[in-house]
Amino acid sequence: MQFGVPDAMAFIARSESRPAGCLAFDQFDDNTVELHRFFVDTSFRGLGIGRELMGAALADIEKGPARTVLIHTTFYMSNAIAVYEAFGFRPCAPFRETPAHVRHTDVFLSRSITPA
């Protein structure tokens, strides 16, 4: 993801002025965006920050033309996957090639956006 490209957005969560987490997205194609850089600092996990970031990002995405949201992650990120699933993301076909030596760890998820 390149934050300088049009239609890219990054959300930063703060707690008492300290950075606590982030989530970004950019345009994948005309009707699709892809989430990137979902992270909550370990000292802030379990406080709902990840869910707040996801809610804010999806609310922003819903204002635009995208009808699908994609995520590429790894099965090691089980806490993040739980958040994705709680927001309606489900497994989908791979939407990019990954190196063969890590392909067994890939998790591809997608979620539809309902027009407002």
Protein backbone atom coordinates (compact mmCIF):
# COMPACT_ATOMS: atom_id res chain seq x y z
CA MET A 1 0.00 0.00 0.00
CA GLN A 2 1.19 3.47 -0.82
CA PHE A 3 -0.37 6.16 1.35
CA GLY A 4 0.21 8.86 -1.26
CA VAL A 5 -2.06 7.29 -3.86
CA PRO A 6 -5.56 8.68 -4.42
CA ASP A 7 -8.31 7.12 -2.29
CA ALA A 8 -5.89 5.66 0.28
CA MET A 9 -6.85 6.20 3.90
CA ALA A 10 -5.09 5.44 7.18
CA PHE A 11 -6.71 5.43 10.62
CA ILE A 12 -4.61 5.85 13.75
CA ALA A 13 -6.08 5.03 17.17
CA ARG A 14 -4.70 6.92 20.15
CA SER A 15 -5.08 6.47 23.88
CA GLU A 16 -4.08 9.46 25.98
CA SER A 17 -2.09 10.79 23.00
CA ARG A 18 -0.16 7.52 22.62
CA PRO A 19 -0.53 5.62 19.33
CA ALA A 20 -2.49 2.44 20.04
CA GLY A 21 -3.26 0.97 16.63
CA CYS A 22 -3.76 1.52 12.93
CA LEU A 23 -5.71 0.31 9.92
CA ALA A 24 -5.44 1.49 6.33
CA PHE A 25 -7.08 0.80 3.00
CA ASP A 26 -6.62 1.65 -0.64
CA GLN A 27 -8.36 1.05 -3.94
CA PHE A 28 -7.87 -2.48 -5.32
CA ASP A 29 -9.97 -1.94 -8.45
CA ASP A 30 -13.01 0.14 -9.47
CA ASN A 31 -15.41 -1.65 -7.11
CA THR A 32 -13.07 -3.01 -4.46
CA VAL A 33 -10.82 -1.77 -1.66
CA GLU A 34 -8.20 -3.70 0.29
CA LEU A 35 -7.44 -3.34 3.98
CA HIS A 36 -3.80 -3.14 5.08
CA ARG A 37 -1.65 -2.57 8.13
CA PHE A 38 -4.16 -3.64 10.78
CA PHE A 39 -2.29 -3.49 14.07
CA VAL A 40 -3.05 -2.88 17.73
CA ASP A 41 -0.11 -2.40 20.09
CA THR A 42 0.13 -5.26 22.58
CA SER A 43 -0.34 -2.91 25.54
CA PHE A 44 -3.76 -1.87 24.14
CA ARG A 45 -5.12 -5.24 23.03
CA GLY A 46 -8.37 -6.44 24.52
CA LEU A 47 -9.76 -2.90 24.85
CA GLY A 48 -11.86 -2.90 21.66
CA ILE A 49 -9.46 -0.70 19.71
CA GLY A 50 -9.28 -3.12 16.79
CA ARG A 51 -13.06 -3.24 16.55
CA GLU A 52 -13.24 0.57 16.68
CA LEU A 53 -10.66 0.87 13.91
CA MET A 54 -12.49 -1.67 11.77
CA GLY A 55 -15.82 0.07 12.34
CA ALA A 56 -14.36 3.46 11.40
CA ALA A 57 -12.68 2.10 8.25
CA LEU A 58 -15.80 0.26 7.07
CA ALA A 59 -17.97 3.33 7.73
CA ASP A 60 -15.63 5.39 5.54
CA ILE A 61 -15.54 2.72 2.82
CA GLU A 62 -19.35 2.56 2.78
CA LYS A 63 -19.46 6.25 1.76
CA GLY A 64 -17.62 5.47 -1.49
CA PRO A 65 -18.30 3.40 -4.59
CA ALA A 66 -16.63 0.16 -3.43
CA ARG A 67 -18.92 -2.83 -3.05
CA THR A 68 -16.29 -5.32 -1.84
CA VAL A 69 -13.54 -5.19 0.79
CA LEU A 70 -10.59 -7.59 0.64
CA ILE A 71 -8.04 -8.70 3.22
CA HIS A 72 -4.93 -10.82 2.80
CA THR A 73 -3.42 -12.08 6.04
CA THR A 74 -1.84 -15.19 7.52
CA PHE A 75 -3.37 -17.84 9.71
CA TYR A 76 -0.92 -16.82 12.47
CA MET A 77 -2.96 -13.61 12.91
CA SER A 78 -5.83 -15.40 14.66
CA ASN A 79 -6.94 -12.39 16.74
CA ALA A 80 -7.16 -10.19 13.66
CA ILE A 81 -9.03 -12.91 11.76
CA ALA A 82 -11.55 -13.09 14.63
CA VAL A 83 -12.17 -9.34 14.27
CA TYR A 84 -12.52 -9.67 10.49
CA GLU A 85 -15.03 -12.50 10.88
CA ALA A 86 -17.00 -10.54 13.49
CA PHE A 87 -17.42 -7.84 10.83
CA GLY A 88 -18.71 -10.29 8.24
CA PHE A 89 -15.55 -11.19 6.34
CA ARG A 90 -15.54 -14.70 4.92
CA PRO A 91 -12.92 -16.80 3.09
CA CYS A 92 -12.55 -16.06 -0.60
CA ALA A 93 -10.39 -17.12 -3.52
CA PRO A 94 -6.83 -15.75 -3.56
CA PHE A 95 -6.72 -12.36 -5.26
CA ARG A 96 -2.93 -12.14 -5.61
CA GLU A 97 0.04 -14.43 -6.01
CA THR A 98 2.23 -15.02 -2.99
CA PRO A 99 5.64 -16.69 -2.77
CA ALA A 100 5.37 -20.49 -2.81
CA HIS A 101 7.29 -20.88 0.47
CA VAL A 102 4.63 -18.93 2.44
CA ARG A 103 1.52 -19.75 0.43
CA HIS A 104 0.44 -22.37 2.98
CA THR A 105 -0.04 -19.57 5.56
CA ASP A 106 -2.26 -17.37 3.35
CA VAL A 107 -5.75 -16.38 4.41
CA PHE A 108 -7.83 -14.41 1.90
CA LEU A 109 -11.08 -12.86 3.10
CA SER A 110 -13.74 -10.62 1.58
CA ARG A 111 -16.88 -8.79 2.62
CA SER A 112 -19.62 -7.16 0.60
CA ILE A 113 -20.65 -3.57 1.17
CA THR A 114 -24.38 -2.95 1.11
CA PRO A 115 -25.27 0.32 -0.64
CA ALA A 116 -26.60 2.93 1.77
